[in-house]
Amino acid sequence: MTLLALHESLSRTDPPYAELYWIGIVVGDGIFRKKRRLNSSGLPMRRFNLIASVAAVLAAVSVSTLAGDWPHWRGPARNGVSTETGWSDQWPAAAPAIAWKASVGLGYSSFAVADGRVVTVGHADDKDTVFCFDATAGKVVWKHSYPSELGDKYFDGGTTGSATIDGEHVYWLSRWGDLFCLKAADGRVVWSKNVQTESQSRVPDWGFTGAPLVLGDKLILNVGESGLALDKKDGKVLWQSATKSAGYSTPLPFKQGNDTLVTMGNGQAYLAVNPGDGKEAWRIKWLTQYGVNAADPIVDGNRILLSSGYGKGAGLFELGGAEPKELWRSKSLRTQMNPAVLHQGHLYGVDGDTTEKASLKCVDLATGTEKWKHENFGSGGIILADGKLIALSGAGELMVAPASSEGFKPTSRAQVLGGKCWTAPVLANGFIYARNSRGDVVTVDVRKK
């Protein structure tokens, strides 16, 4: 039973405790996970232990300083939105407080943050290295390296996917199919394999990318025409799809009716599969130049938004029938790499290619109508927290602005990085993590003092 399932059962049987439990989850999710692991029966805590733990957490912190981990690509809900509040969006005029910096090597990998650790990956000296840092102090906790090609096809090369933290383990898939399960505490290899060799799937032109999806006991990868599933404990293949070229998005779980499906892009379409057996539920033909279907879809109830770059544009589709029904298509939003974020019926995302000319835009989800455009943002990325956009421009300027359909009006901004920044920032537990392509990492302290 997951924490969410436990909350739902308490909501049905114990209304007085349901709200208290939910607050506790937001405040200290990691605490409850640890309590569960200590329970030899494998069952969640008893209710009185749960209430005592929540009370202790609430006594130690105020409700205005809620914090949370970011354990995998696109955050807790896999939508680029953080539930974190109480962080500071008002910085000193000179510059925000920098907690620590690091150098991890060439690449565009995002950050996974959980249990006081932050993981990212880079390339140097013909090797990829998975780095684990102390999330607050920046000290290297461990690192794991393995031989790897640079892969500099029409760009600088280096790592492009992102790691996933799942409890005691870290999962990482390289561009060439090297898959690792590492101990989160010390980086020890639990198991590893090359999934390309084993499955004989075609390596996409820019290599495998995205992040591994942990769903129950399965590890689902965007490898092959419509994914590959392994047992997360030992890497045993549970099902695989045809060996045609994958796309570059991360597998995304979502609910369609009573079913849980997983959607991802391949070289010619976006599709959804049943995670249990890999059988295809539907597909939407989506042809993007060079097969670069890279931005994750955005699911909103029974609607799904697709968007890709190279001039392709976006489309909104209704789910529920035998095939998805197209509601609109537009070139108003062309997210080549980082997906947009959705807030109060509006999409906020980068429109354009990998140059400084790309714009930050707000688009109405229901109609595809552009509401505003902030030019020359570059091919950076954005996330959302507490109703505010946290944006890292393609040139390394970090900005915070209210998420408003009326315009982009930053309340704080600072040049925190140089070089090329294609990776969206990450907010976790009062710190914003950002990096550039050459592997410079900067951690901004936005905790309220």
Protein backbone atom coordinates (compact mmCIF):
# COMPACT_ATOMS: atom_id res chain seq x y z
CA MET A 1 0.00 0.00 0.00
CA THR A 2 1.44 3.34 -0.99
CA LEU A 3 1.31 6.46 1.16
CA LEU A 4 -1.33 7.88 -1.16
CA ALA A 5 -3.45 4.74 -0.85
CA LEU A 6 -3.16 4.89 2.94
CA HIS A 7 -4.32 8.50 2.92
CA GLU A 8 -7.28 7.55 0.79
CA SER A 9 -8.28 4.71 3.14
CA LEU A 10 -8.04 7.01 6.16
CA SER A 11 -10.19 9.54 4.31
CA ARG A 12 -12.90 6.94 3.95
CA THR A 13 -12.78 5.45 7.46
CA ASP A 14 -11.39 8.18 9.73
CA PRO A 15 -12.47 11.65 8.58
CA PRO A 16 -11.05 13.43 11.64
CA TYR A 17 -7.52 12.30 10.77
CA ALA A 18 -7.51 12.54 6.99
CA GLU A 19 -6.56 16.22 6.75
CA LEU A 20 -3.92 15.94 9.49
CA TYR A 21 -2.30 13.01 7.71
CA TRP A 22 -2.17 14.89 4.39
CA ILE A 23 -0.45 17.88 6.03
CA GLY A 24 2.09 15.51 7.51
CA ILE A 25 2.86 14.03 4.15
CA VAL A 26 3.61 17.46 2.65
CA VAL A 27 5.73 18.49 5.61
CA GLY A 28 7.81 15.39 5.99
CA ASP A 29 7.21 12.73 3.43
CA GLY A 30 10.64 11.25 3.99
CA ILE A 31 9.88 10.70 7.70
CA PHE A 32 6.90 8.52 6.93
CA ARG A 33 8.78 6.54 4.31
CA LYS A 34 11.46 5.75 6.87
CA LYS A 35 8.87 4.69 9.42
CA ARG A 36 7.37 2.30 6.89
CA ARG A 37 10.72 0.70 6.16
CA LEU A 38 11.30 0.10 9.89
CA ASN A 39 8.06 -1.85 10.16
CA SER A 40 9.07 -5.52 9.91
CA SER A 41 5.62 -6.52 8.73
CA GLY A 42 5.98 -4.35 5.61
CA LEU A 43 2.73 -2.55 6.47
CA PRO A 44 2.28 1.22 7.01
CA MET A 45 2.46 2.63 10.55
CA ARG A 46 -0.38 2.21 12.97
CA ARG A 47 -2.64 5.20 13.19
CA PHE A 48 -1.43 6.34 16.63
CA ASN A 49 2.20 6.30 15.46
CA LEU A 50 1.16 8.24 12.37
CA ILE A 51 -0.62 10.92 14.40
CA ALA A 52 2.28 11.22 16.85
CA SER A 53 4.76 11.64 14.00
CA VAL A 54 2.62 14.32 12.35
CA ALA A 55 2.31 16.18 15.64
CA ALA A 56 6.09 16.10 16.13
CA VAL A 57 6.68 17.44 12.64
CA LEU A 58 4.13 20.22 13.06
CA ALA A 59 5.75 21.19 16.36
CA ALA A 60 9.15 21.46 14.71
CA VAL A 61 8.17 23.49 11.67
CA SER A 62 5.48 26.00 10.83
CA VAL A 63 2.86 25.32 8.18
CA SER A 64 4.31 28.22 6.17
CA THR A 65 7.59 26.34 5.64
CA LEU A 66 6.31 23.21 3.96
CA ALA A 67 9.04 21.43 2.03
CA GLY A 68 9.36 18.45 -0.25
CA ASP A 69 11.68 16.19 -2.19
CA TRP A 70 11.93 16.04 -5.98
CA PRO A 71 12.86 12.37 -6.43
CA HIS A 72 12.47 12.05 -10.17
CA TRP A 73 12.07 13.90 -13.46
CA ARG A 74 9.42 16.67 -13.32
CA GLY A 75 8.93 16.37 -9.57
CA PRO A 76 6.53 14.66 -7.16
CA ALA A 77 3.53 14.63 -9.52
CA ARG A 78 5.70 14.36 -12.68
CA ASN A 79 4.26 17.61 -14.03
CA GLY A 80 6.94 20.19 -13.23
CA VAL A 81 4.94 21.49 -10.27
CA SER A 82 6.18 21.55 -6.68
CA THR A 83 3.88 21.60 -3.65
CA GLU A 84 6.55 23.49 -1.72
CA THR A 85 5.58 26.77 -0.07
CA GLY A 86 7.30 29.14 2.28
CA TRP A 87 10.38 29.63 0.09
CA SER A 88 11.66 33.12 -0.61
CA ASP A 89 11.04 34.73 -3.99
CA GLN A 90 12.53 38.05 -2.82
CA TRP A 91 16.31 38.11 -3.22
CA PRO A 92 18.91 40.72 -2.29
CA ALA A 93 19.64 43.23 -5.05
CA ALA A 94 23.20 41.98 -5.40
CA ALA A 95 22.44 38.27 -5.81
CA PRO A 96 20.60 35.41 -4.15
CA ALA A 97 22.44 33.35 -1.54
CA ILE A 98 24.49 30.58 -3.13
CA ALA A 99 24.67 27.49 -0.93
CA TRP A 100 27.22 25.55 -2.98
CA LYS A 101 28.63 24.92 -6.43
CA ALA A 102 30.04 21.86 -8.19
CA SER A 103 31.31 20.61 -11.54
CA VAL A 104 29.89 17.35 -12.87
CA GLY A 105 30.96 17.22 -16.51
CA LEU A 106 29.28 17.76 -19.83
CA GLY A 107 25.58 17.10 -20.13
CA TYR A 108 21.97 18.16 -19.59
CA SER A 109 20.81 15.76 -16.89
CA SER A 110 18.33 17.12 -14.38
CA PHE A 111 18.40 16.61 -10.59
CA ALA A 112 16.74 14.01 -8.39
CA VAL A 113 16.49 15.04 -4.73
CA ALA A 114 15.41 12.82 -1.83
CA ASP A 115 16.36 12.06 1.76
CA GLY A 116 18.98 14.78 1.89
CA ARG A 117 20.73 13.70 -1.31
CA VAL A 118 20.81 15.21 -4.79
CA VAL A 119 21.81 13.16 -7.85
CA THR A 120 22.83 14.34 -11.31
CA VAL A 121 25.05 12.97 -14.10
CA GLY A 122 27.76 14.32 -16.40
CA HIS A 123 30.44 13.24 -18.90
CA ALA A 124 34.22 13.80 -18.83
CA ASP A 125 37.34 11.89 -19.93
CA ASP A 126 35.38 9.28 -21.91
CA LYS A 127 33.27 8.41 -18.87
CA ASP A 128 29.83 9.18 -17.54
CA THR A 129 29.68 9.79 -13.80
CA VAL A 130 26.65 9.61 -11.55
CA PHE A 131 27.20 12.12 -8.71
CA CYS A 132 25.44 12.07 -5.36
CA PHE A 133 25.82 15.22 -3.24
CA ASP A 134 24.70 16.22 0.21
CA ALA A 135 21.70 18.33 -0.78
CA THR A 136 22.40 21.12 1.71
CA ALA A 137 26.20 21.30 1.93
CA GLY A 138 27.21 20.07 -1.54
CA LYS A 139 29.74 17.51 -0.30
CA VAL A 140 30.15 14.53 -2.64
CA VAL A 141 28.54 11.56 -0.88
CA TRP A 142 29.52 9.12 -3.64
CA LYS A 143 30.01 8.86 -7.38
CA HIS A 144 29.91 6.05 -9.91
CA SER A 145 31.69 6.17 -13.28
CA TYR A 146 31.64 3.92 -16.33
CA PRO A 147 33.07 4.19 -19.88
CA SER A 148 30.84 6.07 -22.32
CA GLU A 149 31.00 7.83 -25.68
CA LEU A 150 30.56 11.61 -25.88
CA GLY A 151 27.88 11.37 -28.59
CA ASP A 152 28.33 14.92 -29.86
CA LYS A 153 26.03 14.68 -32.88
CA TYR A 154 25.12 18.26 -33.86
CA PHE A 155 25.49 19.40 -30.23
CA ASP A 156 28.05 19.34 -27.43
CA GLY A 157 27.24 15.79 -26.37
CA GLY A 158 27.25 14.35 -22.85
CA THR A 159 24.46 12.99 -20.72
CA THR A 160 20.86 13.80 -21.64
CA GLY A 161 18.68 11.64 -19.40
CA SER A 162 18.01 12.01 -15.69
CA ALA A 163 18.31 9.68 -12.71
CA THR A 164 15.42 8.45 -10.57
CA ILE A 165 15.53 7.95 -6.80
CA ASP A 166 13.20 5.27 -5.48
CA GLY A 167 13.60 4.76 -1.75
CA GLU A 168 16.95 3.08 -1.15
CA HIS A 169 17.90 2.91 -4.83
CA VAL A 170 18.94 5.16 -7.70
CA TYR A 171 18.17 4.14 -11.30
CA TRP A 172 20.05 5.56 -14.28
CA LEU A 173 19.84 4.84 -18.03
CA SER A 174 22.66 6.06 -20.28
CA ARG A 175 22.29 7.21 -23.87
CA TRP A 176 23.75 3.90 -25.04
CA GLY A 177 21.56 1.62 -22.95
CA ASP A 178 23.71 1.12 -19.84
CA LEU A 179 21.24 0.69 -17.00
CA PHE A 180 22.27 0.83 -13.35
CA CYS A 181 20.54 0.19 -10.05
CA LEU A 182 22.69 1.81 -7.37
CA LYS A 183 22.40 2.01 -3.60
CA ALA A 184 21.26 5.53 -2.74
CA ALA A 185 23.31 5.55 0.45
CA ASP A 186 26.74 4.68 -0.97
CA GLY A 187 26.50 4.21 -4.76
CA ARG A 188 27.17 0.49 -4.65
CA VAL A 189 25.98 -1.31 -7.81
CA VAL A 190 23.03 -3.55 -6.98
CA TRP A 191 22.67 -4.69 -10.59
CA SER A 192 23.46 -3.42 -14.06
CA LYS A 193 22.98 -4.40 -17.69
CA ASN A 194 22.89 -2.98 -21.19
CA VAL A 195 19.24 -2.98 -22.23
CA GLN A 196 20.00 -2.15 -25.85
CA THR A 197 22.13 -5.27 -26.23
CA GLU A 198 19.63 -7.45 -24.43
CA SER A 199 16.51 -6.17 -26.20
CA GLN A 200 18.19 -5.47 -29.57
CA SER A 201 16.22 -2.21 -29.72
CA ARG A 202 17.44 0.47 -32.08
CA VAL A 203 19.40 3.28 -30.46
CA PRO A 204 17.70 6.59 -31.38
CA ASP A 205 19.81 9.11 -33.28
CA TRP A 206 20.67 11.02 -30.08
CA GLY A 207 20.66 7.98 -27.81
CA PHE A 208 18.19 6.89 -25.17
CA THR A 209 17.12 9.68 -22.86
CA GLY A 210 14.35 10.60 -20.46
CA ALA A 211 14.31 9.05 -17.00
CA PRO A 212 13.44 5.58 -15.71
CA LEU A 213 9.89 5.32 -14.38
CA VAL A 214 9.37 3.27 -11.22
CA LEU A 215 5.79 2.02 -11.12
CA GLY A 216 5.13 -0.50 -8.37
CA ASP A 217 7.67 -3.29 -8.80
CA LYS A 218 8.37 -2.34 -12.42
CA LEU A 219 11.03 -0.16 -14.00
CA ILE A 220 9.66 1.21 -17.30
CA LEU A 221 11.98 2.73 -19.89
CA ASN A 222 11.44 4.52 -23.20
CA VAL A 223 13.34 1.84 -25.11
CA GLY A 224 11.91 0.30 -28.26
CA GLU A 225 8.79 1.33 -30.13
CA SER A 226 6.54 1.43 -27.07
CA GLY A 227 8.69 0.84 -24.04
CA LEU A 228 10.50 -1.81 -22.04
CA ALA A 229 9.64 -3.04 -18.52
CA LEU A 230 11.95 -4.72 -16.07
CA ASP A 231 11.69 -6.00 -12.52
CA LYS A 232 13.20 -3.18 -10.49
CA LYS A 233 14.72 -5.63 -7.98
CA ASP A 234 16.97 -7.52 -10.38
CA GLY A 235 16.56 -6.07 -13.90
CA LYS A 236 14.74 -9.10 -15.31
CA VAL A 237 12.83 -8.19 -18.49
CA LEU A 238 9.07 -8.43 -17.92
CA TRP A 239 7.95 -7.26 -21.35
CA GLN A 240 9.39 -5.46 -24.34
CA SER A 241 8.03 -3.80 -27.46
CA ALA A 242 9.14 -3.86 -31.08
CA THR A 243 12.75 -2.83 -31.67
CA LYS A 244 11.88 0.29 -33.69
CA SER A 245 13.27 3.65 -32.61
CA ALA A 246 12.10 5.20 -29.34
CA GLY A 247 11.52 8.89 -28.88
CA TYR A 248 13.13 10.99 -26.16
CA SER A 249 10.38 11.59 -23.60
CA THR A 250 10.06 10.01 -20.15
CA PRO A 251 7.35 7.38 -19.57
CA LEU A 252 4.45 9.15 -17.84
CA PRO A 253 1.79 7.28 -15.82
CA PHE A 254 -1.77 8.62 -15.82
CA LYS A 255 -5.33 7.53 -15.17
CA GLN A 256 -7.74 6.98 -18.04
CA GLY A 257 -11.07 5.98 -16.56
CA ASN A 258 -10.32 3.19 -14.09
CA ASP A 259 -7.11 2.19 -15.83
CA THR A 260 -3.55 3.27 -15.19
CA LEU A 261 -1.68 3.73 -18.46
CA VAL A 262 1.80 4.94 -19.37
CA THR A 263 2.35 7.36 -22.25
CA MET A 264 5.58 8.12 -24.10
CA GLY A 265 6.81 9.23 -27.49
CA ASN A 266 8.52 7.19 -30.17
CA GLY A 267 9.99 8.38 -33.46
CA GLN A 268 6.61 8.76 -35.16
CA ALA A 269 3.90 8.99 -32.51
CA TYR A 270 2.87 9.40 -28.92
CA LEU A 271 1.17 6.33 -27.49
CA ALA A 272 -0.13 4.76 -24.29
CA VAL A 273 0.46 1.25 -23.03
CA ASN A 274 -0.81 -0.96 -20.24
CA PRO A 275 2.09 -1.14 -17.76
CA GLY A 276 1.16 -4.68 -16.77
CA ASP A 277 1.84 -6.30 -20.14
CA GLY A 278 2.96 -3.50 -22.49
CA LYS A 279 -0.08 -3.79 -24.74
CA GLU A 280 -0.87 -0.61 -26.63
CA ALA A 281 -4.04 1.24 -25.62
CA TRP A 282 -3.90 4.02 -28.24
CA ARG A 283 -1.52 6.07 -30.32
CA ILE A 284 -1.55 9.51 -31.90
CA LYS A 285 0.51 9.90 -35.03
CA TRP A 286 2.90 12.78 -34.37
CA LEU A 287 5.62 13.39 -36.94
CA THR A 288 8.34 15.78 -35.83
CA GLN A 289 11.47 16.49 -37.84
CA TYR A 290 14.28 13.99 -37.08
CA GLY A 291 11.85 12.00 -34.92
CA VAL A 292 12.40 14.36 -31.97
CA ASN A 293 9.29 13.66 -29.93
CA ALA A 294 11.00 14.69 -26.71
CA ALA A 295 8.70 16.79 -24.51
CA ASP A 296 6.50 14.78 -22.17
CA PRO A 297 2.74 14.98 -22.78
CA ILE A 298 0.64 16.97 -20.31
CA VAL A 299 -2.45 15.17 -19.00
CA ASP A 300 -5.36 17.22 -17.64
CA GLY A 301 -8.31 15.06 -16.68
CA ASN A 302 -9.53 13.41 -19.89
CA ARG A 303 -7.38 15.65 -22.12
CA ILE A 304 -3.80 15.23 -23.23
CA LEU A 305 -1.55 17.88 -24.76
CA LEU A 306 1.26 16.99 -27.16
CA SER A 307 3.92 19.49 -28.19
CA SER A 308 7.22 19.28 -30.05
CA GLY A 309 9.72 21.57 -31.73
CA TYR A 310 11.21 22.01 -35.20
CA GLY A 311 8.14 24.02 -36.16
CA LYS A 312 5.67 21.23 -35.34
CA GLY A 313 3.56 22.86 -32.63
CA ALA A 314 1.03 21.50 -30.17
CA GLY A 315 -2.27 19.65 -30.13
CA LEU A 316 -4.92 18.92 -27.52
CA PHE A 317 -6.78 15.61 -27.58
CA GLU A 318 -9.72 14.18 -25.67
CA LEU A 319 -9.33 10.70 -24.23
CA GLY A 320 -11.98 8.14 -23.47
CA GLY A 321 -13.20 6.91 -26.82
CA ALA A 322 -11.74 4.18 -28.98
CA GLU A 323 -9.20 6.71 -30.25
CA PRO A 324 -8.15 10.12 -28.89
CA LYS A 325 -10.23 12.93 -30.41
CA GLU A 326 -8.41 16.02 -31.65
CA LEU A 327 -9.70 19.25 -30.10
CA TRP A 328 -7.21 21.70 -31.63
CA ARG A 329 -3.77 22.05 -33.20
CA SER A 330 -1.63 25.17 -33.21
CA LYS A 331 1.94 26.35 -33.68
CA SER A 332 1.57 28.66 -30.69
CA LEU A 333 3.71 26.37 -28.50
CA ARG A 334 6.61 24.28 -29.83
CA THR A 335 8.36 22.72 -26.83
CA GLN A 336 11.41 21.04 -28.26
CA MET A 337 12.88 19.66 -25.03
CA ASN A 338 11.38 20.74 -21.69
CA PRO A 339 7.60 20.31 -21.36
CA ALA A 340 5.43 23.23 -20.34
CA VAL A 341 3.77 23.51 -16.93
CA LEU A 342 0.01 23.81 -16.49
CA HIS A 343 -1.52 26.25 -14.01
CA GLN A 344 -5.16 27.35 -13.77
CA GLY A 345 -5.95 26.44 -17.36
CA HIS A 346 -2.84 28.01 -18.87
CA LEU A 347 0.36 26.48 -20.24
CA TYR A 348 3.70 28.13 -19.55
CA GLY A 349 6.59 26.89 -21.65
CA VAL A 350 9.43 27.57 -24.05
CA ASP A 351 8.43 28.02 -27.67
CA GLY A 352 11.14 27.54 -30.25
CA ASP A 353 14.47 25.93 -30.99
CA THR A 354 17.78 25.61 -29.15
CA THR A 355 18.86 29.21 -29.67
CA GLU A 356 18.60 32.46 -27.74
CA LYS A 357 15.64 33.43 -29.95
CA ALA A 358 13.29 30.95 -28.27
CA SER A 359 10.47 32.64 -26.35
CA LEU A 360 8.76 31.96 -23.06
CA LYS A 361 5.01 31.82 -23.64
CA CYS A 362 1.65 31.53 -21.96
CA VAL A 363 -0.99 29.63 -23.95
CA ASP A 364 -4.63 28.91 -23.13
CA LEU A 365 -5.01 25.14 -22.78
CA ALA A 366 -8.63 25.03 -23.91
CA THR A 367 -8.10 26.87 -27.20
CA GLY A 368 -4.36 26.96 -27.94
CA THR A 369 -4.49 30.76 -28.03
CA GLU A 370 -1.31 32.63 -27.15
CA LYS A 371 -1.81 34.96 -24.18
CA TRP A 372 1.68 36.51 -24.00
CA LYS A 373 5.25 36.06 -25.20
CA HIS A 374 8.53 36.92 -23.47
CA GLU A 375 11.08 37.05 -26.27
CA ASN A 376 14.72 35.96 -26.29
CA PHE A 377 14.34 33.70 -23.28
CA GLY A 378 16.37 31.01 -24.98
CA SER A 379 15.99 27.26 -24.70
CA GLY A 380 15.92 27.05 -20.91
CA GLY A 381 13.19 25.58 -18.78
CA ILE A 382 10.63 26.38 -16.09
CA ILE A 383 8.90 24.79 -13.13
CA LEU A 384 6.06 26.00 -10.92
CA ALA A 385 5.80 26.32 -7.13
CA ASP A 386 3.24 28.12 -4.98
CA GLY A 387 1.71 29.83 -8.00
CA LYS A 388 5.05 31.17 -9.18
CA LEU A 389 7.17 30.34 -12.21
CA ILE A 390 10.81 29.50 -11.54
CA ALA A 391 12.55 30.01 -14.88
CA LEU A 392 16.14 29.44 -15.98
CA SER A 393 16.85 31.13 -19.29
CA GLY A 394 19.02 29.60 -21.98
CA ALA A 395 21.82 31.97 -20.92
CA GLY A 396 21.62 31.11 -17.21
CA GLU A 397 19.45 33.88 -15.75
CA LEU A 398 17.26 32.61 -12.92
CA MET A 399 13.92 34.38 -12.55
CA VAL A 400 10.82 34.10 -10.37
CA ALA A 401 7.50 35.53 -11.54
CA PRO A 402 3.82 35.06 -10.69
CA ALA A 403 2.17 32.55 -13.01
CA SER A 404 -0.26 34.93 -14.67
CA SER A 405 -1.95 34.97 -18.05
CA GLU A 406 -1.52 38.77 -17.99
CA GLY A 407 2.24 38.70 -18.62
CA PHE A 408 5.69 37.68 -17.38
CA LYS A 409 6.75 40.09 -14.63
CA PRO A 410 9.67 38.74 -12.57
CA THR A 411 9.83 39.73 -8.92
CA SER A 412 13.42 38.45 -8.64
CA ARG A 413 16.13 37.71 -11.16
CA ALA A 414 19.86 36.96 -11.10
CA GLN A 415 22.54 35.67 -13.45
CA VAL A 416 23.53 32.45 -11.71
CA LEU A 417 25.21 30.58 -14.58
CA GLY A 418 26.93 31.22 -17.87
CA GLY A 419 27.13 29.07 -20.95
CA LYS A 420 24.26 27.03 -22.37
CA CYS A 421 21.37 26.09 -20.08
CA TRP A 422 18.88 23.62 -21.50
CA THR A 423 17.95 21.98 -18.18
CA ALA A 424 14.97 23.18 -16.14
CA PRO A 425 15.75 24.18 -12.54
CA VAL A 426 14.60 22.07 -9.59
CA LEU A 427 13.19 23.31 -6.26
CA ALA A 428 13.49 20.98 -3.26
CA ASN A 429 13.48 21.70 0.46
CA GLY A 430 14.29 25.37 0.11
CA PHE A 431 17.02 25.08 -2.53
CA ILE A 432 16.92 25.71 -6.27
CA TYR A 433 19.32 23.47 -8.23
CA ALA A 434 20.47 24.59 -11.69
CA ARG A 435 23.16 23.56 -14.18
CA ASN A 436 24.56 24.37 -17.61
CA SER A 437 25.72 22.12 -20.43
CA ARG A 438 29.37 22.09 -19.36
CA GLY A 439 28.36 20.75 -15.97
CA ASP A 440 28.56 23.79 -13.71
CA VAL A 441 26.06 23.25 -10.89
CA VAL A 442 24.82 26.09 -8.69
CA THR A 443 22.54 25.71 -5.68
CA VAL A 444 20.55 28.77 -4.61
CA ASP A 445 19.33 28.97 -1.01
CA VAL A 446 15.74 30.28 -1.03
CA ARG A 447 14.82 29.28 2.51
CA LYS A 448 13.16 32.07 4.44
CA LYS A 449 15.49 33.25 7.17
